[in-house]
Amino acid sequence: MRSNVYAIDGTPVDCVYLALLHLVARKPDLCVSGINNGFNLGSDVFYSGTVGAALEAALRGVPAIALSVERRWPQDFAPVAGFARALVQQVLAQGPQAIEAGSLLNVNLPAGPVRGYALTCMGKRSYRDQVDVREDLRGRAYYWIGGPEEKGEDVPGSDSAAVRSGLASITPLSLDLTHRPALQRMSGWNLGSFAEGAAVHAGK
């Protein structure tokens, strides 16, 4: 086994957690999660272990990049690795301001040679909702959830639009999911005897 190389039996988030809290002697300059064999576009980020690992690093003050590529079998990771290296070099050259605190970069690439990139927003990715009831070799039921991706309209400037046009997508994501227009709209709500307490909490 090579020195300072570890394999962890756990989720991607577990790997980052253990590394930052136990394995590394100092806070890393950058955490790179991936390369995942399969896109993490649009709403995928809420389910993705790859993005989750980058989120864990960002939550702990470490700049982070999540990398995913269009699913292929077998997969050629060489073009993605080349792009990843160039991106990492640029981030490190820019210094701490390259990836602001409380954010990370979610990067998706089409399979094959990288012919360019786009800075993007989160798009919309729809799947066919389904639950298949199946039976294992012992006759016990198990459930296969989620169906294939459905074709939908690309949001202009989105991650999905970029990869479908053959470009790598770089999407800055924020850890703050607060919907601020809703805060303004909800300030006029009246919950009766709870209204005063709600106003106190909203002002914190």
Protein backbone atom coordinates (compact mmCIF):
# COMPACT_ATOMS: atom_id res chain seq x y z
CA MET A 1 0.00 0.00 0.00
CA ARG A 2 1.26 3.46 -0.86
CA SER A 3 2.00 5.94 1.89
CA ASN A 4 -0.80 8.42 2.70
CA VAL A 5 -3.30 6.59 0.51
CA TYR A 6 -6.43 5.34 2.28
CA ALA A 7 -9.50 3.29 1.34
CA ILE A 8 -12.58 3.78 3.50
CA ASP A 9 -15.61 1.50 3.67
CA GLY A 10 -18.29 4.21 3.81
CA THR A 11 -20.10 6.90 1.87
CA PRO A 12 -18.26 9.72 0.06
CA VAL A 13 -19.27 12.04 2.90
CA ASP A 14 -17.78 9.59 5.41
CA CYS A 15 -14.50 9.72 3.51
CA VAL A 16 -14.27 13.52 3.71
CA TYR A 17 -15.38 13.57 7.34
CA LEU A 18 -12.77 11.02 8.42
CA ALA A 19 -10.04 12.66 6.36
CA LEU A 20 -10.61 16.16 7.72
CA LEU A 21 -11.16 15.14 11.33
CA HIS A 22 -8.59 12.35 11.63
CA LEU A 23 -6.32 11.54 8.70
CA VAL A 24 -4.83 14.85 7.50
CA ALA A 25 -2.47 16.93 9.61
CA ARG A 26 -3.73 20.29 8.33
CA LYS A 27 -6.74 21.70 6.52
CA PRO A 28 -6.36 20.90 2.78
CA ASP A 29 -6.15 23.64 0.17
CA LEU A 30 -8.83 21.88 -1.89
CA CYS A 31 -11.11 18.83 -1.85
CA VAL A 32 -11.91 17.16 -5.18
CA SER A 33 -14.79 14.66 -5.11
CA GLY A 34 -15.17 12.23 -8.01
CA ILE A 35 -14.76 11.55 -10.85
CA ASN A 36 -18.29 10.06 -10.74
CA ASN A 37 -19.34 7.83 -13.65
CA GLY A 38 -22.70 9.52 -14.32
CA PHE A 39 -23.96 13.11 -14.44
CA ASN A 40 -25.00 15.09 -11.36
CA LEU A 41 -27.09 17.79 -13.01
CA GLY A 42 -29.92 19.97 -11.73
CA SER A 43 -31.84 18.33 -8.89
CA ASP A 44 -29.35 15.41 -8.89
CA VAL A 45 -27.24 17.49 -6.49
CA PHE A 46 -29.74 16.78 -3.67
CA TYR A 47 -29.19 13.02 -4.02
CA SER A 48 -25.56 12.83 -5.11
CA GLY A 49 -22.87 11.28 -2.93
CA THR A 50 -20.25 13.00 -5.09
CA VAL A 51 -21.74 16.44 -4.48
CA GLY A 52 -22.44 15.47 -0.85
CA ALA A 53 -18.73 14.88 -0.24
CA ALA A 54 -17.87 18.30 -1.68
CA LEU A 55 -20.61 19.83 0.49
CA GLU A 56 -19.08 18.21 3.58
CA ALA A 57 -15.74 19.81 2.77
CA ALA A 58 -17.33 23.20 2.10
CA LEU A 59 -19.25 23.02 5.39
CA ARG A 60 -15.89 22.59 7.14
CA GLY A 61 -14.24 25.52 5.39
CA VAL A 62 -12.38 23.60 2.68
CA PRO A 63 -12.80 24.75 -0.96
CA ALA A 64 -14.35 21.90 -2.92
CA ILE A 65 -15.10 20.65 -6.43
CA ALA A 66 -17.48 17.81 -7.38
CA LEU A 67 -16.66 16.14 -10.70
CA SER A 68 -19.00 13.94 -12.77
CA VAL A 69 -18.96 12.62 -16.33
CA GLU A 70 -21.61 11.23 -18.64
CA ARG A 71 -22.13 7.55 -17.85
CA ARG A 72 -20.34 5.12 -20.18
CA TRP A 73 -19.23 1.49 -19.91
CA PRO A 74 -16.32 1.23 -20.22
CA GLN A 75 -15.49 4.79 -19.21
CA ASP A 76 -12.45 6.74 -20.40
CA PHE A 77 -11.60 9.10 -17.55
CA ALA A 78 -8.48 10.55 -19.22
CA PRO A 79 -10.18 13.58 -20.90
CA VAL A 80 -12.05 14.43 -17.69
CA ALA A 81 -8.89 14.09 -15.62
CA GLY A 82 -7.10 16.48 -17.96
CA PHE A 83 -9.86 19.07 -17.59
CA ALA A 84 -9.95 18.52 -13.83
CA ARG A 85 -6.22 19.14 -13.57
CA ALA A 86 -6.51 22.43 -15.48
CA LEU A 87 -9.44 23.52 -13.30
CA VAL A 88 -7.65 22.63 -10.06
CA GLN A 89 -4.54 24.52 -11.17
CA GLN A 90 -6.67 27.58 -11.94
CA VAL A 91 -8.48 27.41 -8.60
CA LEU A 92 -5.23 27.10 -6.65
CA ALA A 93 -3.64 29.93 -8.66
CA GLN A 94 -6.58 32.22 -7.87
CA GLY A 95 -6.20 31.63 -4.15
CA PRO A 96 -8.88 31.69 -1.43
CA GLN A 97 -11.24 33.92 -3.43
CA ALA A 98 -11.52 31.35 -6.24
CA ILE A 99 -14.22 29.41 -4.38
CA GLU A 100 -15.89 31.58 -1.77
CA ALA A 101 -16.61 30.29 1.72
CA GLY A 102 -19.98 28.58 1.84
CA SER A 103 -19.87 27.47 -1.78
CA LEU A 104 -18.46 24.78 -4.07
CA LEU A 105 -18.14 23.99 -7.77
CA ASN A 106 -20.27 21.27 -9.36
CA VAL A 107 -18.65 20.18 -12.62
CA ASN A 108 -20.22 17.90 -15.25
CA LEU A 109 -18.64 16.78 -18.51
CA PRO A 110 -19.84 14.90 -21.59
CA ALA A 111 -17.97 11.67 -22.29
CA GLY A 112 -15.03 11.98 -24.67
CA PRO A 113 -12.71 14.87 -25.51
CA VAL A 114 -13.49 18.19 -23.79
CA ARG A 115 -14.03 20.85 -26.45
CA GLY A 116 -14.90 23.75 -24.16
CA TYR A 117 -16.73 24.75 -21.02
CA ALA A 118 -19.53 27.01 -19.81
CA LEU A 119 -20.27 28.68 -16.49
CA THR A 120 -23.81 27.59 -15.72
CA CYS A 121 -26.77 27.64 -13.36
CA MET A 122 -28.63 24.57 -12.08
CA GLY A 123 -30.98 23.18 -14.70
CA LYS A 124 -33.99 20.91 -14.45
CA ARG A 125 -33.59 17.16 -14.77
CA SER A 126 -36.70 15.00 -14.81
CA TYR A 127 -36.99 11.26 -14.31
CA ARG A 128 -39.85 8.87 -14.84
CA ASP A 129 -41.28 8.24 -11.38
CA GLN A 130 -41.73 4.53 -10.81
CA VAL A 131 -41.37 1.76 -8.26
CA ASP A 132 -40.73 -1.75 -9.57
CA VAL A 133 -41.51 -4.63 -7.23
CA ARG A 134 -39.01 -7.42 -7.92
CA GLU A 135 -38.17 -10.76 -6.38
CA ASP A 136 -34.75 -12.01 -5.30
CA LEU A 137 -33.51 -15.60 -5.62
CA ARG A 138 -35.01 -16.49 -2.22
CA GLY A 139 -38.46 -15.28 -3.27
CA ARG A 140 -38.32 -12.10 -1.18
CA ALA A 141 -39.69 -8.86 -2.58
CA TYR A 142 -37.45 -5.86 -3.07
CA TYR A 143 -38.10 -2.46 -4.63
CA TRP A 144 -36.26 -0.76 -7.47
CA ILE A 145 -37.06 2.95 -7.29
CA GLY A 146 -36.67 5.62 -9.95
CA GLY A 147 -36.95 5.40 -13.71
CA PRO A 148 -34.90 6.64 -16.66
CA GLU A 149 -34.35 10.30 -17.42
CA GLU A 150 -37.12 11.98 -19.40
CA LYS A 151 -36.43 14.48 -22.14
CA GLY A 152 -37.30 18.01 -21.13
CA GLU A 153 -36.68 21.57 -22.19
CA ASP A 154 -33.21 22.83 -21.40
CA VAL A 155 -33.05 25.93 -19.23
CA PRO A 156 -30.88 28.46 -21.15
CA GLY A 157 -27.50 28.79 -19.48
CA SER A 158 -28.03 25.64 -17.40
CA ASP A 159 -25.75 22.70 -16.65
CA SER A 160 -27.99 20.35 -18.66
CA ALA A 161 -27.95 22.65 -21.68
CA ALA A 162 -24.15 22.87 -21.59
CA VAL A 163 -23.47 19.13 -21.53
CA ARG A 164 -26.08 18.46 -24.22
CA SER A 165 -24.24 20.91 -26.44
CA GLY A 166 -20.97 19.06 -25.78
CA LEU A 167 -19.48 21.47 -23.24
CA ALA A 168 -18.24 20.95 -19.73
CA SER A 169 -20.46 22.65 -17.17
CA ILE A 170 -19.14 24.52 -14.11
CA THR A 171 -21.88 25.49 -11.64
CA PRO A 172 -21.10 27.38 -8.43
CA LEU A 173 -23.40 26.11 -5.66
CA SER A 174 -24.17 27.87 -2.39
CA LEU A 175 -24.68 26.18 0.97
CA ASP A 176 -27.37 28.74 1.82
CA LEU A 177 -30.67 27.34 0.48
CA THR A 178 -32.78 30.11 2.01
CA HIS A 179 -35.54 31.30 -0.33
CA ARG A 180 -35.33 35.02 0.48
CA PRO A 181 -38.40 36.20 -1.46
CA ALA A 182 -40.43 33.78 0.67
CA LEU A 183 -39.09 35.43 3.83
CA GLN A 184 -40.48 38.75 2.63
CA ARG A 185 -43.82 37.23 1.63
CA MET A 186 -44.22 35.27 4.89
CA SER A 187 -43.51 38.30 7.10
CA GLY A 188 -47.21 39.21 6.85
CA TRP A 189 -48.49 35.83 8.08
CA ASN A 190 -50.59 35.80 11.23
CA LEU A 191 -50.58 32.61 13.30
CA GLY A 192 -52.74 33.93 16.10
CA SER A 193 -51.26 33.36 19.54
CA PHE A 194 -48.01 32.17 17.90
CA ALA A 195 -47.55 35.35 15.82
CA GLU A 196 -45.35 37.13 18.36
CA GLY A 197 -43.03 34.15 18.73
CA ALA A 198 -42.80 33.76 14.97
CA ALA A 199 -41.82 37.40 14.58
CA VAL A 200 -39.06 36.97 17.18
CA HIS A 201 -37.63 33.92 15.39
CA ALA A 202 -37.79 35.65 11.99
CA GLY A 203 -35.78 38.54 13.35
CA LYS A 204 -32.89 36.43 14.57
